[in-house]
C-alpha atoms as a PDB file:
ATOM      1  CA  MET A   1     186.496 -75.695-131.691  1.00  0.00           C
ATOM      2  CA  VAL A   2     182.886 -76.849-131.509  1.00  0.00           C
ATOM      3  CA  ILE A   3     180.364 -75.031-129.356  1.00  0.00           C
ATOM      4  CA  ILE A   4     177.385 -77.087-128.214  1.00  0.00           C
ATOM      5  CA  VAL A   5     174.178 -75.133-127.667  1.00  0.00           C
ATOM      6  CA  LYS A   6     172.322 -76.709-124.748  1.00  0.00           C
ATOM      7  CA  ASP A   7     168.859 -75.391-125.670  1.00  0.00           C
ATOM      8  CA  LYS A   8     168.847 -77.407-128.910  1.00  0.00           C
ATOM      9  CA  PRO A   9     168.978 -81.181-129.277  1.00  0.00           C
ATOM     10  CA  ASN A  10     172.466 -82.261-130.346  1.00  0.00           C
ATOM     11  CA  VAL A  11     172.872 -84.736-133.202  1.00  0.00           C
ATOM     12  CA  LEU A  12     176.105 -86.464-134.181  1.00  0.00           C
ATOM     13  CA  ILE A  13     176.184 -87.642-137.809  1.00  0.00           C
ATOM     14  CA  VAL A  14     178.684 -90.458-138.395  1.00  0.00           C
ATOM     15  CA  ASP A  15     178.897 -91.093-142.143  1.00  0.00           C
ATOM     16  CA  ASP A  16     181.836 -91.296-144.538  1.00  0.00           C
ATOM     17  CA  GLU A  17     179.906 -89.635-147.382  1.00  0.00           C
ATOM     18  CA  PRO A  18     180.192 -85.818-147.262  1.00  0.00           C
ATOM     19  CA  SER A  19     177.028 -85.402-149.363  1.00  0.00           C
ATOM     20  CA  ILE A  20     174.985 -87.440-146.859  1.00  0.00           C
ATOM     21  CA  ARG A  21     176.301 -85.429-143.908  1.00  0.00           C
ATOM     22  CA  GLU A  22     175.584 -82.162-145.718  1.00  0.00           C
ATOM     23  CA  SER A  23     172.070 -83.272-146.691  1.00  0.00           C
ATOM     24  CA  ILE A  24     171.262 -84.250-143.121  1.00  0.00           C
ATOM     25  CA  LYS A  25     172.607 -80.923-141.838  1.00  0.00           C
ATOM     26  CA  LEU A  26     170.352 -79.075-144.289  1.00  0.00           C
ATOM     27  CA  ILE A  27     167.349 -81.186-143.273  1.00  0.00           C
ATOM     28  CA  LEU A  28     167.955 -80.611-139.564  1.00  0.00           C
ATOM     29  CA  GLY A  29     168.336 -76.887-140.159  1.00  0.00           C
ATOM     30  CA  ASN A  30     168.577 -74.668-137.134  1.00  0.00           C
ATOM     31  CA  LYS A  31     166.396 -76.896-134.916  1.00  0.00           C
ATOM     32  CA  PHE A  32     169.334 -79.124-134.023  1.00  0.00           C
ATOM     33  CA  GLU A  33     172.989 -78.609-133.183  1.00  0.00           C
ATOM     34  CA  VAL A  34     174.950 -80.882-135.526  1.00  0.00           C
ATOM     35  CA  LEU A  35     178.345 -82.538-135.111  1.00  0.00           C
ATOM     36  CA  GLU A  36     179.959 -84.523-137.918  1.00  0.00           C
ATOM     37  CA  ALA A  37     182.308 -87.501-138.025  1.00  0.00           C
ATOM     38  CA  THR A  38     183.678 -89.180-141.149  1.00  0.00           C
ATOM     39  CA  ASN A  39     184.231 -92.632-139.611  1.00  0.00           C
ATOM     40  CA  GLY A  40     183.582 -94.740-136.524  1.00  0.00           C
ATOM     41  CA  PHE A  41     186.767 -93.670-134.736  1.00  0.00           C
ATOM     42  CA  GLU A  42     185.907 -89.973-135.080  1.00  0.00           C
ATOM     43  CA  GLY A  43     182.331 -90.712-134.046  1.00  0.00           C
ATOM     44  CA  ILE A  44     183.451 -92.382-130.827  1.00  0.00           C
ATOM     45  CA  GLU A  45     185.789 -89.516-129.946  1.00  0.00           C
ATOM     46  CA  LEU A  46     183.143 -86.864-130.620  1.00  0.00           C
ATOM     47  CA  TYR A  47     180.575 -88.846-128.642  1.00  0.00           C
ATOM     48  CA  LYS A  48     182.893 -89.084-125.644  1.00  0.00           C
ATOM     49  CA  LYS A  49     183.723 -85.386-125.820  1.00  0.00           C
ATOM     50  CA  TYR A  50     180.241 -83.927-126.402  1.00  0.00           C
ATOM     51  CA  LYS A  51     177.748 -86.697-125.455  1.00  0.00           C
ATOM     52  CA  PRO A  52     175.126 -85.699-128.050  1.00  0.00           C
ATOM     53  CA  ASP A  53     171.442 -86.511-127.609  1.00  0.00           C
ATOM     54  CA  ILE A  54     171.263 -88.606-130.795  1.00  0.00           C
ATOM     55  CA  VAL A  55     173.815 -90.378-133.010  1.00  0.00           C
ATOM     56  CA  LEU A  56     172.927 -91.011-136.654  1.00  0.00           C
ATOM     57  CA  MET A  57     175.284 -93.860-137.561  1.00  0.00           C
ATOM     58  CA  ASP A  58     175.998 -95.190-141.034  1.00  0.00           C
ATOM     59  CA  LEU A  59     176.859 -98.897-141.177  1.00  0.00           C
ATOM     60  CA  MET A  60     179.367 -99.222-143.991  1.00  0.00           C
ATOM     61  CA  MET A  61     182.375 -96.948-143.436  1.00  0.00           C
ATOM     62  CA  PRO A  62     186.125 -97.362-143.843  1.00  0.00           C
ATOM     63  CA  LEU A  63     188.412 -97.829-140.819  1.00  0.00           C
ATOM     64  CA  MET A  64     185.588 -98.825-138.438  1.00  0.00           C
ATOM     65  CA  ASN A  65     182.069 -99.800-139.455  1.00  0.00           C
ATOM     66  CA  GLY A  66     178.907 -98.626-137.748  1.00  0.00           C
ATOM     67  CA  VAL A  67     178.328-101.869-135.836  1.00  0.00           C
ATOM     68  CA  GLU A  68     181.754-101.683-134.183  1.00  0.00           C
ATOM     69  CA  ALA A  69     181.394 -97.957-133.468  1.00  0.00           C
ATOM     70  CA  THR A  70     177.955 -98.593-131.955  1.00  0.00           C
ATOM     71  CA  LYS A  71     179.418-101.267-129.657  1.00  0.00           C
ATOM     72  CA  LYS A  72     182.182 -98.917-128.487  1.00  0.00           C
ATOM     73  CA  ILE A  73     179.806 -96.017-127.807  1.00  0.00           C
ATOM     74  CA  ILE A  74     177.391 -98.300-125.903  1.00  0.00           C
ATOM     75  CA  GLU A  75     180.311 -99.632-123.825  1.00  0.00           C
ATOM     76  CA  PHE A  76     181.162 -96.022-122.936  1.00  0.00           C
ATOM     77  CA  ASP A  77     177.533 -94.960-122.392  1.00  0.00           C
ATOM     78  CA  PRO A  78     174.843 -97.670-122.203  1.00  0.00           C
ATOM     79  CA  ASN A  79     172.173 -94.940-122.467  1.00  0.00           C
ATOM     80  CA  ALA A  80     173.449 -93.591-125.800  1.00  0.00           C
ATOM     81  CA  VAL A  81     170.731 -93.172-128.425  1.00  0.00           C
ATOM     82  CA  ILE A  82     172.188 -94.492-131.677  1.00  0.00           C
ATOM     83  CA  LEU A  83     170.008 -94.556-134.768  1.00  0.00           C
ATOM     84  CA  ILE A  84     171.243 -96.416-137.830  1.00  0.00           C
ATOM     85  CA  ILE A  85     170.954 -94.855-141.284  1.00  0.00           C
ATOM     86  CA  THR A  86     171.877 -97.294-144.025  1.00  0.00           C
ATOM     87  CA  ALA A  87     171.387 -98.313-147.626  1.00  0.00           C
ATOM     88  CA  TYR A  88     172.665-101.814-146.864  1.00  0.00           C
ATOM     89  CA  SER A  89     171.083-105.070-145.843  1.00  0.00           C
ATOM     90  CA  GLU A  90     168.625-105.588-143.054  1.00  0.00           C
ATOM     91  CA  LYS A  91     170.955-108.236-141.596  1.00  0.00           C
ATOM     92  CA  LYS A  92     173.689-105.640-140.998  1.00  0.00           C
ATOM     93  CA  GLY A  93     171.092-103.380-139.417  1.00  0.00           C
ATOM     94  CA  GLU A  94     170.045-106.190-137.101  1.00  0.00           C
ATOM     95  CA  GLU A  95     173.690-106.578-136.017  1.00  0.00           C
ATOM     96  CA  ALA A  96     173.695-102.902-135.040  1.00  0.00           C
ATOM     97  CA  ILE A  97     170.451-103.329-133.075  1.00  0.00           C
ATOM     98  CA  LYS A  98     172.025-106.252-131.196  1.00  0.00           C
ATOM     99  CA  ALA A  99     175.019-103.996-130.511  1.00  0.00           C
ATOM    100  CA  GLY A 100     172.744-101.409-128.871  1.00  0.00           C
ATOM    101  CA  ALA A 101     171.332 -99.185-131.615  1.00  0.00           C
ATOM    102  CA  LYS A 102     167.696 -98.194-131.087  1.00  0.00           C
ATOM    103  CA  ALA A 103     166.323 -98.238-134.649  1.00  0.00           C
ATOM    104  CA  ILE A 104     167.109 -98.289-138.371  1.00  0.00           C
ATOM    105  CA  LEU A 105     166.141 -95.768-141.049  1.00  0.00           C
ATOM    106  CA  PRO A 106     166.834 -97.009-144.592  1.00  0.00           C
ATOM    107  CA  LYS A 107     168.532 -94.666-147.072  1.00  0.00           C
ATOM    108  CA  PRO A 108     167.347 -92.864-149.056  1.00  0.00           C
ATOM    109  CA  PHE A 109     164.919 -91.125-146.736  1.00  0.00           C
ATOM    110  CA  ARG A 110     162.778 -88.049-147.044  1.00  0.00           C
ATOM    111  CA  ARG A 111     163.117 -84.916-144.938  1.00  0.00           C
ATOM    112  CA  LYS A 112     159.906 -85.596-142.998  1.00  0.00           C
ATOM    113  CA  GLU A 113     160.923 -89.221-142.316  1.00  0.00           C
ATOM    114  CA  LEU A 114     164.268 -88.172-140.845  1.00  0.00           C
ATOM    115  CA  ILE A 115     162.772 -85.474-138.605  1.00  0.00           C
ATOM    116  CA  GLU A 116     160.053 -87.852-137.342  1.00  0.00           C
ATOM    117  CA  PHE A 117     162.648 -90.591-136.809  1.00  0.00           C
ATOM    118  CA  ILE A 118     164.867 -88.335-134.687  1.00  0.00           C
ATOM    119  CA  ASN A 119     161.957 -86.777-132.786  1.00  0.00           C
ATOM    120  CA  LYS A 120     160.815 -90.246-131.612  1.00  0.00           C
ATOM    121  CA  PHE A 121     164.054 -90.613-129.702  1.00  0.00           C
ATOM    122  CA  ILE A 122     164.801 -87.101-128.425  1.00  0.00           C
ATOM    123  CA  LYS A 123     164.594 -87.057-124.654  1.00  0.00           C
ATOM    124  CA  LYS A 124     162.031 -84.446-123.723  1.00  0.00           C
END
């Protein structure tokens, strides 16, 4: 069971690499409530269930890639704030933007970059 704390911004990390998810959780610390999904299908289900403030979406994942997952989440909630985190090509990132993602942060990123990136899109 996951408990969402409403006084903290909620971030859903959708990435198939456990080390990336763990690193992001450590970076976000106790300032954010963090949910984790290992693929696009899990990300969609967690989004529908918890409607987090921000989704950090990887592009290249097994089962369902980040572009497809972004499309599905935007179909469910056109106001979803999906931010792409990727080590792959700019062209793939552009596909995600066309699908409804708000911005792209290339991997690897620094702690400060990630926090600033998320803070730009948190609804105050």
